[in-house]
Structure formats: C-alpha cells, structure tokens
Amino acid sequence: MHVHFVDDNMADLMLTNEILESHADVVEVSTSLSGPAALEFLRDSRNSRPDVVVLDINMPGLSGFEVLAAMKSDPALVDIPVVMLSTSSNPRDVAQAYTLHASSYLVKAHDFQQFVQQIEAFITYLRQTRLTHWPNAMTDA
C-alpha cells in the first residue's frame, strides 16, 4: 500500500515516517512539502501511484482544499482517496472537505502519543478495510 503524505511541516512528516517504519512490510510512504509539489508528484507517471493521499489543509501556496479540488477535477487523479489531516476541527473546514469529495477528515492530535495512536489506527483501518480491495493488495492483510 502506497500512502502519500502532504504537509508543509517537515517535523510532522518526519514523525509520520518514523511511526510508519513499523509498517514497512505493507506501507510505502512518499511525501510532499507543498500543494504544488504534491500535484507534480501525483501527475508524474514515473512515480508510483499512491493508494491514498493524506493531505494537510493549511499550507502556503496551495491550500489542502485547493489541492483536493485540483485532484478531484483531474481525470487521472479523481479516483485516488484523499484523507484530510488537520489541526482544525472547525465544522466549516470539515464540511468543505467533504463537499470537495474528501474520503475522510481526521483532526490531528496535539499530543505526541495521541498522534502516534492516530496514525497507527489509520494504518490499521486501511489494512483491515481497504487494502483487500486494491488491485495490488497483499492477501495476508
């Protein structure tokens, strides 16, 4: 399973990569530090197509909402599930994400241990409910 994380906070990306090292047997991780970089990565046919994109909302340049809208209007990217991961629990942000066809919305935990648990739960969810439906899925998930 290939998960592409998009976040302008390098510390959050590094932390997420560390957490996911324990899932290296089933999770391939790629990252982008900005919205434009994410779209460039996703549109580049030389890159492995992610099974899911985890997208921060508040980023300079293009916001996560703008990246989500661009993905959902691009025939080559429209079917990639997008999970919004943000510190914002504002109902308007949540509603906007779903209006733009996000697959899920997670409020990023502020506490380190809670964030670790959140990422672990996310990967467990993907392994148990979605991995078996992807074309290149591992059968032992």
N, C-alpha and C. Protein backbone atom coordinates (compact mmCIF):
# COMPACT_ATOMS: atom_id res chain seq x y z
N MET A 1 0.86 -1.16 0.00
CA MET A 1 0.00 0.00 0.00
C MET A 1 0.90 1.23 0.00
N HIS A 2 0.61 2.16 -0.88
CA HIS A 2 1.40 3.38 -1.01
C HIS A 2 0.58 4.55 -0.47
N VAL A 3 1.12 5.21 0.57
CA VAL A 3 0.48 6.38 1.17
C VAL A 3 1.34 7.59 0.89
N HIS A 4 0.73 8.63 0.33
CA HIS A 4 1.45 9.87 0.05
C HIS A 4 0.98 10.94 1.03
N PHE A 5 1.90 11.44 1.87
CA PHE A 5 1.59 12.47 2.85
C PHE A 5 2.00 13.83 2.31
N VAL A 6 1.11 14.81 2.46
CA VAL A 6 1.37 16.18 2.01
C VAL A 6 1.21 17.10 3.21
N ASP A 7 2.31 17.71 3.63
CA ASP A 7 2.28 18.60 4.79
C ASP A 7 3.47 19.53 4.67
N ASP A 8 3.28 20.81 4.94
CA ASP A 8 4.38 21.77 4.86
C ASP A 8 5.25 21.73 6.11
N ASN A 9 4.86 20.96 7.12
CA ASN A 9 5.62 20.87 8.36
C ASN A 9 6.54 19.64 8.29
N MET A 10 7.83 19.90 8.08
CA MET A 10 8.80 18.82 7.94
C MET A 10 8.85 17.94 9.19
N ALA A 11 8.70 18.53 10.37
CA ALA A 11 8.73 17.75 11.60
C ALA A 11 7.58 16.74 11.63
N ASP A 12 6.39 17.16 11.20
CA ASP A 12 5.25 16.23 11.16
C ASP A 12 5.48 15.10 10.16
N LEU A 13 6.07 15.43 9.01
CA LEU A 13 6.36 14.40 8.02
C LEU A 13 7.39 13.41 8.54
N MET A 14 8.42 13.91 9.21
CA MET A 14 9.45 13.03 9.75
C MET A 14 8.87 12.13 10.84
N LEU A 15 8.03 12.70 11.69
CA LEU A 15 7.39 11.93 12.75
C LEU A 15 6.50 10.84 12.15
N THR A 16 5.73 11.19 11.16
CA THR A 16 4.85 10.23 10.50
C THR A 16 5.67 9.10 9.88
N ASN A 17 6.77 9.44 9.22
CA ASN A 17 7.65 8.42 8.64
C ASN A 17 8.19 7.48 9.71
N GLU A 18 8.58 8.05 10.86
CA GLU A 18 9.08 7.22 11.96
C GLU A 18 8.01 6.24 12.44
N ILE A 19 6.81 6.74 12.62
CA ILE A 19 5.71 5.90 13.08
C ILE A 19 5.46 4.76 12.09
N LEU A 20 5.53 5.08 10.82
CA LEU A 20 5.20 4.10 9.79
C LEU A 20 6.31 3.08 9.51
N GLU A 21 7.49 3.31 10.08
CA GLU A 21 8.57 2.34 9.90
C GLU A 21 8.17 0.95 10.38
N SER A 22 7.33 0.89 11.41
CA SER A 22 6.90 -0.41 11.93
C SER A 22 5.92 -1.11 10.99
N HIS A 23 5.47 -0.41 9.96
CA HIS A 23 4.55 -0.99 8.98
C HIS A 23 5.21 -1.11 7.60
N ALA A 24 6.53 -1.08 7.58
CA ALA A 24 7.26 -1.08 6.31
C ALA A 24 6.96 -2.31 5.45
N ASP A 25 6.47 -3.37 6.07
CA ASP A 25 6.15 -4.57 5.30
C ASP A 25 4.95 -4.37 4.39
N VAL A 26 4.09 -3.41 4.71
CA VAL A 26 2.89 -3.19 3.88
C VAL A 26 2.70 -1.74 3.44
N VAL A 27 3.47 -0.81 3.99
CA VAL A 27 3.26 0.60 3.69
C VAL A 27 4.49 1.21 3.03
N GLU A 28 4.29 1.74 1.84
CA GLU A 28 5.30 2.54 1.16
C GLU A 28 4.88 3.99 1.37
N VAL A 29 5.80 4.83 1.83
CA VAL A 29 5.48 6.22 2.12
C VAL A 29 6.23 7.14 1.16
N SER A 30 5.50 8.12 0.64
CA SER A 30 6.12 9.20 -0.11
C SER A 30 5.57 10.50 0.48
N THR A 31 6.29 11.59 0.28
CA THR A 31 5.87 12.85 0.89
C THR A 31 6.07 14.02 -0.07
N SER A 32 5.30 15.06 0.18
CA SER A 32 5.47 16.35 -0.49
C SER A 32 5.33 17.43 0.57
N LEU A 33 6.11 18.50 0.42
CA LEU A 33 6.09 19.60 1.39
C LEU A 33 5.16 20.75 1.00
N SER A 34 4.49 20.64 -0.14
CA SER A 34 3.60 21.71 -0.58
C SER A 34 2.54 21.15 -1.52
N GLY A 35 1.50 21.93 -1.71
CA GLY A 35 0.45 21.54 -2.64
C GLY A 35 0.95 21.39 -4.06
N PRO A 36 1.67 22.40 -4.59
CA PRO A 36 2.19 22.26 -5.95
C PRO A 36 3.12 21.05 -6.11
N ALA A 37 3.95 20.79 -5.11
CA ALA A 37 4.84 19.63 -5.18
C ALA A 37 4.04 18.33 -5.18
N ALA A 38 2.96 18.30 -4.42
CA ALA A 38 2.11 17.10 -4.38
C ALA A 38 1.47 16.85 -5.74
N LEU A 39 0.92 17.89 -6.34
CA LEU A 39 0.28 17.72 -7.65
C LEU A 39 1.31 17.30 -8.70
N GLU A 40 2.50 17.86 -8.63
CA GLU A 40 3.56 17.48 -9.56
C GLU A 40 3.90 16.00 -9.38
N PHE A 41 4.05 15.57 -8.13
CA PHE A 41 4.36 14.17 -7.84
C PHE A 41 3.25 13.26 -8.37
N LEU A 42 2.01 13.61 -8.08
CA LEU A 42 0.88 12.76 -8.46
C LEU A 42 0.70 12.67 -9.98
N ARG A 43 1.04 13.72 -10.68
CA ARG A 43 0.87 13.75 -12.14
C ARG A 43 2.06 13.16 -12.90
N ASP A 44 3.14 12.90 -12.20
CA ASP A 44 4.35 12.37 -12.84
C ASP A 44 4.22 10.85 -12.98
N SER A 45 4.11 10.38 -14.20
CA SER A 45 3.89 8.96 -14.45
C SER A 45 5.07 8.08 -14.03
N ARG A 46 6.22 8.69 -13.75
CA ARG A 46 7.37 7.91 -13.29
C ARG A 46 7.23 7.51 -11.83
N ASN A 47 6.35 8.18 -11.09
CA ASN A 47 6.16 7.88 -9.68
C ASN A 47 5.10 6.81 -9.50
N SER A 48 5.26 6.03 -8.46
CA SER A 48 4.27 5.02 -8.10
C SER A 48 2.99 5.74 -7.67
N ARG A 49 1.87 5.30 -8.21
CA ARG A 49 0.58 5.92 -7.88
C ARG A 49 0.19 5.56 -6.45
N PRO A 50 -0.09 6.55 -5.60
CA PRO A 50 -0.47 6.23 -4.23
C PRO A 50 -1.88 5.62 -4.16
N ASP A 51 -2.06 4.78 -3.16
CA ASP A 51 -3.38 4.20 -2.89
C ASP A 51 -4.25 5.17 -2.12
N VAL A 52 -3.61 6.08 -1.39
CA VAL A 52 -4.32 7.11 -0.63
C VAL A 52 -3.38 8.29 -0.44
N VAL A 53 -3.97 9.49 -0.44
CA VAL A 53 -3.22 10.72 -0.17
C VAL A 53 -3.73 11.28 1.15
N VAL A 54 -2.80 11.60 2.05
CA VAL A 54 -3.14 12.24 3.32
C VAL A 54 -2.68 13.68 3.20
N LEU A 55 -3.63 14.60 3.32
CA LEU A 55 -3.41 15.99 2.92
C LEU A 55 -3.70 16.97 4.05
N ASP A 56 -2.71 17.78 4.39
CA ASP A 56 -2.89 18.85 5.37
C ASP A 56 -3.70 19.97 4.71
N ILE A 57 -4.42 20.73 5.50
CA ILE A 57 -5.23 21.82 4.95
C ILE A 57 -4.43 23.11 4.83
N ASN A 58 -3.80 23.51 5.93
CA ASN A 58 -3.15 24.82 5.99
C ASN A 58 -1.72 24.75 5.49
N MET A 59 -1.56 25.11 4.21
CA MET A 59 -0.23 25.14 3.60
C MET A 59 -0.11 26.41 2.77
N PRO A 60 1.11 26.97 2.69
CA PRO A 60 1.30 28.13 1.83
C PRO A 60 1.23 27.73 0.36
N GLY A 61 1.00 28.69 -0.50
CA GLY A 61 0.88 28.39 -1.93
C GLY A 61 -0.50 27.90 -2.24
N LEU A 62 -0.67 26.60 -2.30
CA LEU A 62 -1.99 25.99 -2.48
C LEU A 62 -2.41 25.36 -1.17
N SER A 63 -3.61 25.66 -0.72
CA SER A 63 -4.12 25.02 0.49
C SER A 63 -4.48 23.58 0.19
N GLY A 64 -4.68 22.81 1.23
CA GLY A 64 -5.12 21.43 1.04
C GLY A 64 -6.43 21.35 0.30
N PHE A 65 -7.32 22.31 0.55
CA PHE A 65 -8.60 22.34 -0.16
C PHE A 65 -8.38 22.54 -1.66
N GLU A 66 -7.45 23.42 -2.01
CA GLU A 66 -7.16 23.67 -3.43
C GLU A 66 -6.54 22.44 -4.09
N VAL A 67 -5.68 21.75 -3.37
CA VAL A 67 -5.08 20.53 -3.90
C VAL A 67 -6.16 19.47 -4.09
N LEU A 68 -7.03 19.33 -3.10
CA LEU A 68 -8.14 18.37 -3.18
C LEU A 68 -9.02 18.68 -4.39
N ALA A 69 -9.38 19.94 -4.56
CA ALA A 69 -10.22 20.33 -5.70
C ALA A 69 -9.52 20.02 -7.03
N ALA A 70 -8.21 20.29 -7.10
CA ALA A 70 -7.46 20.00 -8.32
C ALA A 70 -7.43 18.50 -8.60
N MET A 71 -7.25 17.71 -7.56
CA MET A 71 -7.22 16.26 -7.74
C MET A 71 -8.57 15.74 -8.23
N LYS A 72 -9.64 16.24 -7.64
CA LYS A 72 -10.96 15.73 -7.98
C LYS A 72 -11.46 16.24 -9.33
N SER A 73 -10.79 17.25 -9.89
CA SER A 73 -11.16 17.72 -11.23
C SER A 73 -10.22 17.17 -12.31
N ASP A 74 -9.25 16.38 -11.90
CA ASP A 74 -8.29 15.80 -12.84
C ASP A 74 -8.66 14.33 -13.07
N PRO A 75 -9.04 13.96 -14.29
CA PRO A 75 -9.45 12.57 -14.56
C PRO A 75 -8.41 11.52 -14.15
N ALA A 76 -7.14 11.89 -14.17
CA ALA A 76 -6.09 10.94 -13.81
C ALA A 76 -5.95 10.76 -12.30
N LEU A 77 -6.51 11.70 -11.52
CA LEU A 77 -6.34 11.66 -10.06
C LEU A 77 -7.64 11.52 -9.30
N VAL A 78 -8.76 11.68 -9.97
CA VAL A 78 -10.06 11.77 -9.31
C VAL A 78 -10.38 10.58 -8.42
N ASP A 79 -9.89 9.40 -8.78
CA ASP A 79 -10.26 8.20 -8.03
C ASP A 79 -9.30 7.86 -6.89
N ILE A 80 -8.29 8.68 -6.64
CA ILE A 80 -7.40 8.44 -5.50
C ILE A 80 -8.09 8.95 -4.24
N PRO A 81 -8.28 8.08 -3.24
CA PRO A 81 -8.89 8.54 -1.98
C PRO A 81 -8.00 9.58 -1.30
N VAL A 82 -8.64 10.60 -0.74
CA VAL A 82 -7.91 11.66 -0.05
C VAL A 82 -8.44 11.78 1.37
N VAL A 83 -7.53 11.72 2.33
CA VAL A 83 -7.85 11.90 3.74
C VAL A 83 -7.27 13.24 4.16
N MET A 84 -8.12 14.12 4.65
CA MET A 84 -7.65 15.41 5.14
C MET A 84 -7.19 15.21 6.59
N LEU A 85 -6.00 15.71 6.91
CA LEU A 85 -5.44 15.63 8.26
C LEU A 85 -5.06 17.04 8.67
N SER A 86 -5.76 17.57 9.66
CA SER A 86 -5.57 18.97 10.03
C SER A 86 -5.75 19.17 11.52
N THR A 87 -5.17 20.24 12.04
CA THR A 87 -5.41 20.60 13.43
C THR A 87 -6.77 21.26 13.60
N SER A 88 -7.39 21.64 12.51
CA SER A 88 -8.68 22.33 12.55
C SER A 88 -9.83 21.34 12.77
N SER A 89 -10.64 21.65 13.77
CA SER A 89 -11.87 20.88 13.98
C SER A 89 -13.09 21.74 13.64
N ASN A 90 -12.84 22.86 12.96
CA ASN A 90 -13.91 23.77 12.58
C ASN A 90 -14.91 23.04 11.66
N PRO A 91 -16.19 23.03 12.03
CA PRO A 91 -17.18 22.34 11.20
C PRO A 91 -17.20 22.81 9.74
N ARG A 92 -16.87 24.07 9.51
CA ARG A 92 -16.83 24.58 8.12
C ARG A 92 -15.71 23.91 7.32
N ASP A 93 -14.56 23.70 7.97
CA ASP A 93 -13.46 23.01 7.29
C ASP A 93 -13.84 21.57 6.97
N VAL A 94 -14.46 20.91 7.94
CA VAL A 94 -14.89 19.53 7.74
C VAL A 94 -15.91 19.46 6.60
N ALA A 95 -16.88 20.35 6.63
CA ALA A 95 -17.91 20.37 5.58
C ALA A 95 -17.30 20.66 4.21
N GLN A 96 -16.36 21.60 4.16
CA GLN A 96 -15.73 21.92 2.88
C GLN A 96 -14.96 20.72 2.34
N ALA A 97 -14.27 20.01 3.22
CA ALA A 97 -13.52 18.83 2.78
C ALA A 97 -14.44 17.80 2.15
N TYR A 98 -15.55 17.53 2.80
CA TYR A 98 -16.48 16.54 2.25
C TYR A 98 -17.20 17.05 1.00
N THR A 99 -17.46 18.35 0.94
CA THR A 99 -18.06 18.93 -0.26
C THR A 99 -17.13 18.76 -1.46
N LEU A 100 -15.84 18.83 -1.20
CA LEU A 100 -14.84 18.67 -2.27
C LEU A 100 -14.48 17.19 -2.50
N HIS A 101 -15.21 16.31 -1.86
CA HIS A 101 -15.09 14.86 -2.05
C HIS A 101 -13.89 14.21 -1.38
N ALA A 102 -13.52 14.73 -0.20
CA ALA A 102 -12.53 14.02 0.61
C ALA A 102 -13.15 12.71 1.07
N SER A 103 -12.33 11.70 1.22
CA SER A 103 -12.82 10.40 1.68
C SER A 103 -13.00 10.36 3.19
N SER A 104 -12.20 11.17 3.88
CA SER A 104 -12.25 11.20 5.34
C SER A 104 -11.60 12.49 5.83
N TYR A 105 -11.88 12.82 7.09
CA TYR A 105 -11.30 14.02 7.70
C TYR A 105 -10.85 13.64 9.10
N LEU A 106 -9.57 13.79 9.37
CA LEU A 106 -9.02 13.49 10.69
C LEU A 106 -8.49 14.76 11.32
N VAL A 107 -8.85 14.99 12.58
CA VAL A 107 -8.30 16.13 13.31
C VAL A 107 -7.00 15.67 13.96
N LYS A 108 -5.92 16.33 13.58
CA LYS A 108 -4.58 15.95 14.04
C LYS A 108 -4.46 16.17 15.54
N ALA A 109 -4.05 15.13 16.25
CA ALA A 109 -3.87 15.23 17.70
C ALA A 109 -2.69 16.15 18.01
N HIS A 110 -2.82 16.92 19.09
CA HIS A 110 -1.74 17.82 19.51
C HIS A 110 -0.71 17.08 20.37
N ASP A 111 -1.16 16.08 21.09
CA ASP A 111 -0.31 15.30 21.97
C ASP A 111 0.45 14.24 21.16
N PHE A 112 1.75 14.11 21.42
CA PHE A 112 2.59 13.18 20.65
C PHE A 112 2.05 11.76 20.69
N GLN A 113 1.78 11.24 21.88
CA GLN A 113 1.30 9.86 21.99
C GLN A 113 -0.04 9.67 21.29
N GLN A 114 -0.91 10.66 21.39
CA GLN A 114 -2.20 10.56 20.70
C GLN A 114 -2.00 10.60 19.18
N PHE A 115 -1.04 11.39 18.71
CA PHE A 115 -0.76 11.43 17.28
C PHE A 115 -0.24 10.08 16.80
N VAL A 116 0.66 9.47 17.57
CA VAL A 116 1.17 8.14 17.23
C VAL A 116 0.00 7.16 17.15
N GLN A 117 -0.87 7.18 18.15
CA GLN A 117 -2.03 6.28 18.15
C GLN A 117 -2.94 6.55 16.96
N GLN A 118 -3.10 7.80 16.62
CA GLN A 118 -3.95 8.18 15.49
C GLN A 118 -3.41 7.62 14.17
N ILE A 119 -2.12 7.76 13.94
CA ILE A 119 -1.51 7.24 12.71
C ILE A 119 -1.57 5.71 12.70
N GLU A 120 -1.30 5.10 13.84
CA GLU A 120 -1.39 3.63 13.94
C GLU A 120 -2.81 3.16 13.62
N ALA A 121 -3.80 3.84 14.18
CA ALA A 121 -5.20 3.46 13.93
C ALA A 121 -5.56 3.66 12.46
N PHE A 122 -5.05 4.72 11.85
CA PHE A 122 -5.31 4.98 10.44
C PHE A 122 -4.76 3.84 9.57
N ILE A 123 -3.53 3.43 9.84
CA ILE A 123 -2.92 2.34 9.06
C ILE A 123 -3.67 1.03 9.30
N THR A 124 -4.04 0.77 10.54
CA THR A 124 -4.82 -0.44 10.83
C THR A 124 -6.13 -0.41 10.07
N TYR A 125 -6.79 0.73 10.06
CA TYR A 125 -8.04 0.87 9.31
C TYR A 125 -7.82 0.56 7.83
N LEU A 126 -6.79 1.14 7.25
CA LEU A 126 -6.52 0.90 5.83
C LEU A 126 -6.24 -0.57 5.56
N ARG A 127 -5.47 -1.17 6.44
CA ARG A 127 -5.12 -2.59 6.24
C ARG A 127 -6.36 -3.48 6.35
N GLN A 128 -7.25 -3.17 7.26
CA GLN A 128 -8.39 -4.05 7.51
C GLN A 128 -9.57 -3.80 6.58
N THR A 129 -9.76 -2.58 6.13
CA THR A 129 -10.97 -2.29 5.38
C THR A 129 -10.76 -1.95 3.92
N ARG A 130 -9.58 -1.55 3.55
CA ARG A 130 -9.40 -1.09 2.19
C ARG A 130 -8.36 -1.87 1.42
N LEU A 131 -7.35 -2.33 2.10
CA LEU A 131 -6.23 -2.96 1.42
C LEU A 131 -6.68 -4.13 0.56
N THR A 132 -7.65 -4.88 1.01
CA THR A 132 -8.08 -6.06 0.27
C THR A 132 -8.80 -5.71 -1.02
N HIS A 133 -9.17 -4.45 -1.21
CA HIS A 133 -9.91 -4.04 -2.40
C HIS A 133 -9.03 -3.41 -3.47
N TRP A 134 -7.76 -3.15 -3.16
CA TRP A 134 -6.89 -2.51 -4.13
C TRP A 134 -6.31 -3.55 -5.08
N PRO A 135 -6.09 -3.18 -6.32
CA PRO A 135 -5.61 -4.14 -7.33
C PRO A 135 -4.32 -4.86 -6.94
N ASN A 136 -3.39 -4.18 -6.34
CA ASN A 136 -2.12 -4.81 -5.98
C ASN A 136 -2.05 -5.16 -4.50
N ALA A 137 -3.21 -5.39 -3.90
CA ALA A 137 -3.29 -5.63 -2.46
C ALA A 137 -2.58 -6.92 -2.05
N MET A 138 -2.04 -6.86 -0.86
CA MET A 138 -1.44 -8.06 -0.28
C MET A 138 -2.57 -8.91 0.28
N THR A 139 -2.51 -10.19 0.11
CA THR A 139 -3.60 -11.06 0.54
C THR A 139 -3.56 -11.41 2.01
N ASP A 140 -2.46 -11.14 2.70
CA ASP A 140 -2.37 -11.51 4.11
C ASP A 140 -2.71 -10.37 5.05
N ALA A 141 -3.25 -9.27 4.55
CA ALA A 141 -3.56 -8.12 5.39
C ALA A 141 -4.69 -8.42 6.25
